[in-house]
Amino acid sequence: MAETDRVIVVGGGPVGLTTAFTLAQHGVPVTVIEAEAGIVFSPRALVYHPPTLEALAQLGLMEDLTAAGVLKQQLLFKDGQGNDLAQIDYRHLEGRTAYPYNLHLGQDVLAGIVLQHLERLPGTEVLWNHRLTAIEQDDESITAIAAGPAGEVRLAGRWLVGADGASSATRQALGLGFEGKTWPDRFVATNVVYDFEADGYARATFVIDADHWAIIVKINEENLWRCTYGESADLPAEGIRDRVPENYAHFMRRMTRADGSPNYEIRAVSPYRVHERAADSFRVGRALLAGDAAHICNPCGGFGLTSGLLDAVALGHPLAAVCLGRQDEGILDRYAAERKRIFLEKTSPAASDNLRRFRERDPAKKAEDLERFRRLREEPDFNATVGSYSFNLASPELADPKLVTG
């Protein structure tokens, strides 16, 4: 392909790199620009659902990802007193998918693995420390203007993908709104070395309690765990790390050793606010949005990065087909409309309901939630239906290499 057919991908996180890798596998030249100096190692998303695993396997990534991560087939629900409420069993999906489980892997690790694979392909480059400042486009081409270590650079291509996160410079340069809401809680994501399984937790556990809820997920086999909990955003930000032990006390049963020293080791603490928002459009001319640049939701249920990676393949294959002259660019309008529809109708409502359930105080709704837990315990068909919900977030007709290969 000609150099003028290059695709510019803004954002060197997992969604941007996966989009670039999908394109590059089809022989499309790609340049990734990223504002940071390298992959960001902040505690963020780490759970990947079966349809995401199917897509990553199709890209040839699963062997490396599985070797680096942890597999999980049960999601446990506990109440605030430590009692088991129910669990979702992903083994009910056997026969429907080759991946009847979730994979746990820090998004930084996933991004690093994708980057290694991307760098092996011809026609690819990644420019770190390059911050997008403007976009120019016409009917034939698009140019990303970025501030780099050596000053301003202009990168021309046929198409541009903005996968540069919730504060997307791409979305802002395109003049797109980002309507929705911000949740009142402050989320605090921590990485901690502690044996939660010895306390009766599964590899993924949701603690349902209006005052002290948490998402507790095993990251690796060295007993590194993610413990994410909520606290009031009215509490002072400067005391977040100091308050971590008092929050852990609601979830850890063996916080101290016999000598009184902590029985845990905090590796990382990252507070953040969560939102439910979508861009006005996922396409403006030759620019398209994917991942958090296009839509964001709260992390309860692991639908955020799952949806972002599904964007990556649902855009990567059609865009490659357009670049290679095998599909009309109208398929990109289908991508933009379909991925926004799925977010508004499926992803965001499901994530919102999950967060509501964590912190519910209304007696009638709590009774409805308890009935749902009963059905999860006693009705295998209902358990399988809930466990397969993430398939509703996929777009298999778009995320298909045959759009390119025929």
Protein backbone atom coordinates (compact mmCIF):
# COMPACT_ATOMS: atom_id res chain seq x y z
CA MET A 1 0.00 0.00 0.00
CA ALA A 2 1.07 3.59 -0.58
CA GLU A 3 2.37 5.68 2.31
CA THR A 4 -0.59 8.01 1.79
CA ASP A 5 -2.89 5.12 2.79
CA ARG A 6 -1.44 5.16 6.33
CA VAL A 7 -3.84 5.19 9.28
CA ILE A 8 -2.98 7.42 12.24
CA VAL A 9 -4.03 5.98 15.61
CA VAL A 10 -4.08 8.45 18.48
CA GLY A 11 -3.58 6.65 21.79
CA GLY A 12 -1.05 4.00 22.79
CA GLY A 13 -3.21 2.18 25.30
CA PRO A 14 -4.77 -1.26 24.83
CA VAL A 15 -7.56 -0.08 22.52
CA GLY A 16 -5.34 2.03 20.29
CA LEU A 17 -2.64 -0.64 20.04
CA THR A 18 -5.18 -3.40 19.35
CA THR A 19 -6.79 -1.29 16.62
CA ALA A 20 -3.37 -0.64 15.10
CA PHE A 21 -2.43 -4.33 15.32
CA THR A 22 -5.67 -5.40 13.65
CA LEU A 23 -5.01 -2.99 10.78
CA ALA A 24 -1.35 -3.96 10.48
CA GLN A 25 -2.19 -7.66 10.28
CA HIS A 26 -4.05 -6.85 7.07
CA GLY A 27 -1.06 -4.97 5.67
CA VAL A 28 -2.30 -1.45 6.39
CA PRO A 29 0.54 0.94 7.38
CA VAL A 30 -0.09 2.43 10.82
CA THR A 31 1.40 5.16 12.98
CA VAL A 32 0.44 5.29 16.66
CA ILE A 33 1.00 8.53 18.56
CA GLU A 34 0.85 8.63 22.35
CA ALA A 35 1.17 11.62 24.67
CA GLU A 36 2.88 9.64 27.44
CA ALA A 37 6.48 8.42 27.39
CA GLY A 38 5.38 4.78 27.34
CA ILE A 39 2.67 2.42 28.49
CA VAL A 40 0.92 3.74 31.61
CA PHE A 41 1.16 1.41 34.62
CA SER A 42 -1.76 2.77 36.66
CA PRO A 43 -4.27 0.31 38.20
CA ARG A 44 -7.21 0.21 35.82
CA ALA A 45 -9.20 -2.41 33.93
CA LEU A 46 -8.13 -6.05 34.04
CA VAL A 47 -11.11 -8.34 33.30
CA TYR A 48 -11.83 -9.66 29.79
CA HIS A 49 -15.03 -11.50 28.88
CA PRO A 50 -15.47 -14.42 26.44
CA PRO A 51 -16.33 -12.38 23.30
CA THR A 52 -13.25 -10.23 23.90
CA LEU A 53 -11.13 -13.35 24.30
CA GLU A 54 -12.52 -14.72 21.03
CA ALA A 55 -11.48 -11.51 19.27
CA LEU A 56 -8.01 -11.51 20.84
CA ALA A 57 -7.56 -15.18 19.93
CA GLN A 58 -8.44 -14.38 16.31
CA LEU A 59 -5.55 -11.89 16.37
CA GLY A 60 -3.18 -14.61 17.61
CA LEU A 61 -2.66 -13.08 21.06
CA MET A 62 -4.24 -15.58 23.45
CA GLU A 63 -1.20 -17.77 24.10
CA ASP A 64 0.83 -14.84 25.41
CA LEU A 65 -2.10 -13.29 27.26
CA THR A 66 -3.06 -16.53 28.99
CA ALA A 67 0.52 -17.16 30.07
CA ALA A 68 0.63 -13.73 31.70
CA GLY A 69 -2.82 -13.69 33.30
CA VAL A 70 -5.22 -15.58 35.56
CA LEU A 71 -8.29 -17.49 34.40
CA LYS A 72 -11.57 -17.35 36.30
CA GLN A 73 -14.78 -19.35 35.87
CA GLN A 74 -16.81 -18.11 38.86
CA LEU A 75 -17.86 -14.63 39.92
CA LEU A 76 -18.87 -14.65 43.58
CA PHE A 77 -21.26 -12.22 45.29
CA LYS A 78 -20.91 -11.60 49.04
CA ASP A 79 -22.79 -9.33 51.41
CA GLY A 80 -21.12 -6.89 53.78
CA GLN A 81 -20.96 -9.51 56.54
CA GLY A 82 -18.97 -11.93 54.39
CA ASN A 83 -21.86 -14.27 53.56
CA ASP A 84 -22.03 -15.80 50.08
CA LEU A 85 -25.08 -14.66 48.12
CA ALA A 86 -24.61 -16.39 44.76
CA GLN A 87 -22.14 -16.88 41.96
CA ILE A 88 -22.12 -16.71 38.18
CA ASP A 89 -20.58 -19.86 36.73
CA TYR A 90 -19.02 -19.33 33.31
CA ARG A 91 -18.74 -23.08 32.82
CA HIS A 92 -22.38 -22.89 31.72
CA LEU A 93 -21.02 -21.34 28.52
CA GLU A 94 -19.12 -24.48 27.51
CA GLY A 95 -20.22 -25.44 24.02
CA ARG A 96 -21.12 -21.87 23.12
CA THR A 97 -17.58 -20.52 23.17
CA ALA A 98 -14.06 -21.87 23.27
CA TYR A 99 -13.44 -19.43 26.13
CA PRO A 100 -15.99 -20.15 28.90
CA TYR A 101 -14.13 -18.03 31.41
CA ASN A 102 -12.78 -14.56 32.09
CA LEU A 103 -9.13 -13.60 31.82
CA HIS A 104 -7.62 -11.33 34.47
CA LEU A 105 -4.69 -9.27 33.24
CA GLY A 106 -3.72 -5.68 33.95
CA GLN A 107 -4.45 -3.50 30.94
CA ASP A 108 -0.85 -2.31 30.99
CA VAL A 109 0.37 -5.91 30.61
CA LEU A 110 -2.09 -6.51 27.78
CA ALA A 111 -0.95 -3.31 26.06
CA GLY A 112 2.68 -4.40 26.39
CA ILE A 113 1.97 -7.76 24.76
CA VAL A 114 0.03 -6.18 21.89
CA LEU A 115 2.86 -3.66 21.40
CA GLN A 116 5.42 -6.47 21.08
CA HIS A 117 3.33 -8.12 18.38
CA LEU A 118 2.68 -4.82 16.59
CA GLU A 119 6.36 -3.91 16.41
CA ARG A 120 7.11 -7.16 14.55
CA LEU A 121 4.91 -6.13 11.61
CA PRO A 122 6.17 -4.02 8.69
CA GLY A 123 4.84 -0.54 8.10
CA THR A 124 4.20 0.22 11.78
CA GLU A 125 5.61 2.85 14.09
CA VAL A 126 4.81 4.14 17.57
CA LEU A 127 5.69 7.71 18.51
CA TRP A 128 5.77 8.26 22.27
CA ASN A 129 5.73 11.74 23.82
CA HIS A 130 3.61 13.08 20.96
CA ARG A 131 0.49 14.94 22.11
CA LEU A 132 -2.24 15.63 19.54
CA THR A 133 -3.02 19.34 19.25
CA ALA A 134 -5.15 19.63 16.11
CA ILE A 135 -6.69 17.74 13.19
CA GLU A 136 -7.05 18.86 9.60
CA GLN A 137 -8.95 16.87 6.99
CA ASP A 138 -10.47 17.03 3.53
CA ASP A 139 -12.19 14.53 1.24
CA GLU A 140 -8.97 12.63 0.51
CA SER A 141 -6.76 12.76 3.60
CA ILE A 142 -6.44 13.65 7.27
CA THR A 143 -3.53 15.18 9.16
CA ALA A 144 -2.76 14.86 12.86
CA ILE A 145 -0.78 17.78 14.25
CA ALA A 146 1.13 16.85 17.39
CA ALA A 147 3.61 18.38 19.80
CA GLY A 148 6.65 16.12 20.11
CA PRO A 149 10.10 16.28 21.70
CA ALA A 150 11.49 18.01 18.62
CA GLY A 151 8.57 20.39 18.21
CA GLU A 152 5.45 20.26 16.06
CA VAL A 153 5.00 17.35 13.69
CA ARG A 154 2.39 16.83 10.97
CA LEU A 155 1.37 13.25 10.26
CA ALA A 156 -0.73 12.70 7.16
CA GLY A 157 -2.80 9.63 6.41
CA ARG A 158 -5.98 8.37 4.83
CA TRP A 159 -7.85 7.82 8.11
CA LEU A 160 -7.43 8.62 11.82
CA VAL A 161 -8.64 6.66 14.84
CA GLY A 162 -8.95 8.40 18.21
CA ALA A 163 -8.44 5.90 21.02
CA ASP A 164 -6.90 8.35 23.45
CA GLY A 165 -9.06 7.86 26.52
CA ALA A 166 -11.80 9.67 28.36
CA SER A 167 -10.13 13.09 28.03
CA SER A 168 -9.60 12.44 24.33
CA ALA A 169 -7.75 15.20 22.49
CA THR A 170 -9.14 13.67 19.29
CA ARG A 171 -12.74 14.11 20.41
CA GLN A 172 -12.03 17.68 21.48
CA ALA A 173 -10.26 18.53 18.22
CA LEU A 174 -13.32 17.27 16.34
CA GLY A 175 -15.59 19.50 18.45
CA LEU A 176 -17.69 16.62 19.73
CA GLY A 177 -19.71 16.75 22.92
CA PHE A 178 -19.50 14.01 25.56
CA GLU A 179 -22.89 13.93 27.19
CA GLY A 180 -23.83 11.83 30.21
CA LYS A 181 -23.32 11.88 33.95
CA THR A 182 -20.69 11.56 36.65
CA TRP A 183 -21.29 9.23 39.59
CA PRO A 184 -21.03 10.84 43.03
CA ASP A 185 -18.61 8.27 44.46
CA ARG A 186 -14.85 8.35 44.29
CA PHE A 187 -13.49 4.97 43.24
CA VAL A 188 -10.19 3.88 44.77
CA ALA A 189 -8.36 1.15 42.85
CA THR A 190 -5.59 -0.55 44.81
CA ASN A 191 -3.18 -3.33 43.98
CA VAL A 192 -2.37 -5.31 47.11
CA VAL A 193 -0.52 -8.51 47.99
CA TYR A 194 -2.85 -10.49 50.25
CA ASP A 195 -4.36 -14.00 50.25
CA PHE A 196 -8.04 -13.16 49.75
CA GLU A 197 -8.78 -16.78 48.81
CA ALA A 198 -7.86 -17.83 52.35
CA ASP A 199 -10.66 -15.50 53.50
CA GLY A 200 -13.21 -17.29 51.32
CA TYR A 201 -13.10 -15.01 48.28
CA ALA A 202 -13.23 -16.31 44.73
CA ARG A 203 -10.85 -15.09 42.03
CA ALA A 204 -13.45 -12.40 41.40
CA THR A 205 -15.81 -11.26 44.15
CA PHE A 206 -18.34 -8.45 44.34
CA VAL A 207 -19.05 -7.27 47.88
CA ILE A 208 -22.62 -5.94 47.94
CA ASP A 209 -23.00 -3.40 50.73
CA ALA A 210 -24.38 0.13 50.57
CA ASP A 211 -21.73 1.49 52.94
CA HIS A 212 -18.70 -0.68 52.16
CA TRP A 213 -18.86 -2.24 48.71
CA ALA A 214 -15.89 -3.56 46.78
CA ILE A 215 -14.68 -5.34 43.66
CA ILE A 216 -11.94 -7.82 44.57
CA VAL A 217 -10.12 -9.57 41.71
CA LYS A 218 -7.02 -11.75 41.56
CA ILE A 219 -4.36 -10.35 39.21
CA ASN A 220 -1.66 -13.04 39.23
CA GLU A 221 -0.52 -16.24 40.91
CA GLU A 222 1.77 -14.32 43.28
CA ASN A 223 -1.30 -13.23 45.30
CA LEU A 224 -1.43 -9.76 43.78
CA TRP A 225 -5.05 -8.60 43.88
CA ARG A 226 -7.05 -5.60 42.80
CA CYS A 227 -9.27 -4.27 45.57
CA THR A 228 -11.44 -1.41 44.33
CA TYR A 229 -13.85 0.26 46.73
CA GLY A 230 -15.88 3.43 46.86
CA GLU A 231 -15.72 6.39 49.17
CA SER A 232 -17.42 9.76 49.32
CA ALA A 233 -15.95 12.31 46.93
CA ASP A 234 -16.42 14.84 49.78
CA LEU A 235 -13.51 13.27 51.68
CA PRO A 236 -10.21 15.11 51.15
CA ALA A 237 -8.16 13.75 48.27
CA GLU A 238 -4.88 14.18 50.13
CA GLY A 239 -5.89 11.52 52.68
CA ILE A 240 -6.83 8.77 50.23
CA ARG A 241 -3.79 6.56 50.80
CA ASP A 242 -3.96 7.02 54.58
CA ARG A 243 -7.56 5.79 54.54
CA VAL A 244 -6.77 2.58 52.64
CA PRO A 245 -6.23 0.37 55.76
CA GLU A 246 -9.54 1.41 57.34
CA ASN A 247 -11.29 0.47 54.11
CA TYR A 248 -9.43 -2.84 53.88
CA ALA A 249 -10.68 -3.66 57.40
CA HIS A 250 -14.16 -4.21 55.96
CA PHE A 251 -12.91 -6.93 53.58
CA MET A 252 -9.76 -8.52 55.05
CA ARG A 253 -10.15 -11.04 57.88
CA ARG A 254 -6.43 -11.33 58.73
CA MET A 255 -5.05 -7.82 58.37
CA THR A 256 -2.28 -8.16 60.94
CA ARG A 257 0.29 -10.81 61.80
CA ALA A 258 0.91 -12.12 65.33
CA ASP A 259 3.54 -9.43 65.88
CA GLY A 260 1.05 -6.70 64.91
CA SER A 261 2.62 -5.90 61.53
CA PRO A 262 0.42 -5.60 58.42
CA ASN A 263 -0.41 -8.90 56.73
CA TYR A 264 -0.67 -7.17 53.36
CA GLU A 265 1.49 -5.07 51.06
CA ILE A 266 0.02 -2.16 49.10
CA ARG A 267 1.58 -1.93 45.64
CA ALA A 268 -0.49 0.87 44.07
CA VAL A 269 -3.32 3.27 44.91
CA SER A 270 -5.22 5.11 42.18
CA PRO A 271 -8.34 7.20 42.90
CA TYR A 272 -10.64 8.24 40.09
CA ARG A 273 -14.16 9.41 39.28
CA VAL A 274 -16.44 7.35 37.05
CA HIS A 275 -18.86 8.45 34.37
CA GLU A 276 -21.50 7.22 31.95
CA ARG A 277 -20.92 9.22 28.76
CA ALA A 278 -20.91 8.88 24.97
CA ALA A 279 -19.57 11.14 22.23
CA ASP A 280 -22.06 12.87 19.97
CA SER A 281 -20.81 10.76 17.07
CA PHE A 282 -18.16 8.07 16.66
CA ARG A 283 -17.28 9.33 13.15
CA VAL A 284 -16.49 12.77 11.76
CA GLY A 285 -15.32 12.53 8.16
CA ARG A 286 -12.07 10.58 8.12
CA ALA A 287 -11.79 10.45 11.91
CA LEU A 288 -13.30 7.70 14.04
CA LEU A 289 -13.44 7.13 17.79
CA ALA A 290 -12.99 3.93 19.79
CA GLY A 291 -12.80 2.93 23.44
CA ASP A 292 -13.00 5.54 26.19
CA ALA A 293 -12.61 8.33 23.63
CA ALA A 294 -16.02 7.26 22.30
CA HIS A 295 -17.78 6.07 25.45
CA ILE A 296 -17.09 5.49 29.14
CA CYS A 297 -18.93 3.60 31.86
CA ASN A 298 -18.28 2.62 35.45
CA PRO A 299 -16.13 -0.51 35.91
CA CYS A 300 -18.67 -2.65 37.78
CA GLY A 301 -18.92 -5.75 35.61
CA GLY A 302 -15.78 -5.23 33.57
CA PHE A 303 -17.62 -3.84 30.53
CA GLY A 304 -15.45 -0.76 29.93
CA LEU A 305 -12.26 -2.17 28.40
CA THR A 306 -14.21 -5.20 27.17
CA SER A 307 -16.29 -2.81 25.05
CA GLY A 308 -13.23 -0.83 24.03
CA LEU A 309 -11.43 -3.89 22.72
CA LEU A 310 -14.58 -4.96 20.91
CA ASP A 311 -14.55 -1.50 19.30
CA ALA A 312 -10.95 -2.12 18.24
CA VAL A 313 -11.77 -5.22 16.22
CA ALA A 314 -15.20 -3.98 15.06
CA LEU A 315 -13.38 -0.98 13.58
CA GLY A 316 -10.03 -2.54 12.68
CA HIS A 317 -11.34 -5.14 10.24
CA PRO A 318 -13.82 -2.86 8.39
CA LEU A 319 -11.33 0.01 8.22
CA ALA A 320 -8.69 -2.32 6.77
CA ALA A 321 -11.24 -3.49 4.22
CA VAL A 322 -11.95 0.12 3.23
CA CYS A 323 -8.23 0.93 2.99
CA LEU A 324 -7.72 -2.10 0.73
CA GLY A 325 -10.69 -1.21 -1.47
CA ARG A 326 -12.73 -4.25 -0.47
CA GLN A 327 -15.55 -2.41 1.32
CA ASP A 328 -17.29 0.89 0.74
CA GLU A 329 -16.62 3.48 3.45
CA GLY A 330 -20.30 3.33 4.36
CA ILE A 331 -19.34 0.37 6.56
CA LEU A 332 -17.61 2.90 8.84
CA ASP A 333 -20.93 4.65 9.35
CA ARG A 334 -22.32 1.26 10.35
CA TYR A 335 -19.49 0.91 12.87
CA ALA A 336 -20.17 4.35 14.34
CA ALA A 337 -23.92 3.82 14.63
CA GLU A 338 -23.78 0.22 15.87
CA ARG A 339 -21.13 0.70 18.52
CA LYS A 340 -22.91 3.77 19.91
CA ARG A 341 -26.24 1.91 19.93
CA ILE A 342 -24.73 -1.02 21.82
CA PHE A 343 -23.17 1.32 24.38
CA LEU A 344 -26.38 3.26 24.99
CA GLU A 345 -28.73 0.25 24.96
CA LYS A 346 -26.56 -2.50 26.47
CA THR A 347 -23.21 -1.55 27.97
CA SER A 348 -24.03 1.55 29.99
CA PRO A 349 -27.39 0.30 31.35
CA ALA A 350 -25.80 -2.98 32.50
CA ALA A 351 -22.84 -1.25 34.14
CA SER A 352 -25.16 1.27 35.80
CA ASP A 353 -27.40 -1.45 37.18
CA ASN A 354 -24.38 -3.28 38.55
CA LEU A 355 -23.21 -0.17 40.40
CA ARG A 356 -26.73 0.47 41.67
CA ARG A 357 -26.82 -3.05 43.08
CA PHE A 358 -23.55 -2.53 44.96
CA ARG A 359 -24.84 0.51 46.84
CA GLU A 360 -28.62 -0.04 46.91
CA ARG A 361 -30.50 1.15 50.01
CA ASP A 362 -34.13 0.97 48.86
CA PRO A 363 -35.78 -2.07 50.58
CA ALA A 364 -37.94 -2.97 47.58
CA LYS A 365 -35.03 -2.94 45.15
CA LYS A 366 -32.83 -4.84 47.61
CA ALA A 367 -35.55 -7.50 47.75
CA GLU A 368 -35.50 -7.70 43.94
CA ASP A 369 -31.74 -8.11 44.03
CA LEU A 370 -32.01 -10.93 46.58
CA GLU A 371 -34.49 -12.67 44.30
CA ARG A 372 -32.00 -12.36 41.46
CA PHE A 373 -29.30 -13.93 43.64
CA ARG A 374 -31.70 -16.77 44.47
CA ARG A 375 -32.27 -17.42 40.78
CA LEU A 376 -28.51 -17.40 40.16
CA ARG A 377 -28.14 -20.06 42.85
CA GLU A 378 -31.05 -22.27 41.82
CA GLU A 379 -31.67 -21.82 38.08
CA PRO A 380 -28.81 -22.93 35.78
CA ASP A 381 -30.48 -21.45 32.68
CA PHE A 382 -30.75 -18.04 34.36
CA ASN A 383 -27.15 -18.33 35.55
CA ALA A 384 -26.02 -19.04 31.99
CA THR A 385 -28.06 -16.13 30.62
CA VAL A 386 -26.49 -13.66 33.06
CA GLY A 387 -23.03 -15.12 32.42
CA SER A 388 -23.40 -14.68 28.69
CA TYR A 389 -24.50 -11.04 28.84
CA SER A 390 -21.20 -9.73 27.50
CA PHE A 391 -21.96 -11.36 24.14
CA ASN A 392 -24.60 -8.63 23.76
CA LEU A 393 -21.75 -6.11 23.65
CA ALA A 394 -20.06 -7.63 20.60
CA SER A 395 -20.57 -6.81 16.91
CA PRO A 396 -19.61 -10.08 15.17
CA GLU A 397 -20.75 -8.91 11.74
CA LEU A 398 -18.19 -6.08 11.91
CA ALA A 399 -15.42 -7.82 13.87
CA ASP A 400 -14.88 -10.31 11.04
CA PRO A 401 -11.59 -10.72 9.16
CA LYS A 402 -13.59 -12.03 6.19
CA LEU A 403 -14.62 -8.44 5.50
CA VAL A 404 -11.03 -8.11 4.26
CA THR A 405 -10.12 -11.59 3.10
CA GLY A 406 -13.47 -12.45 1.48
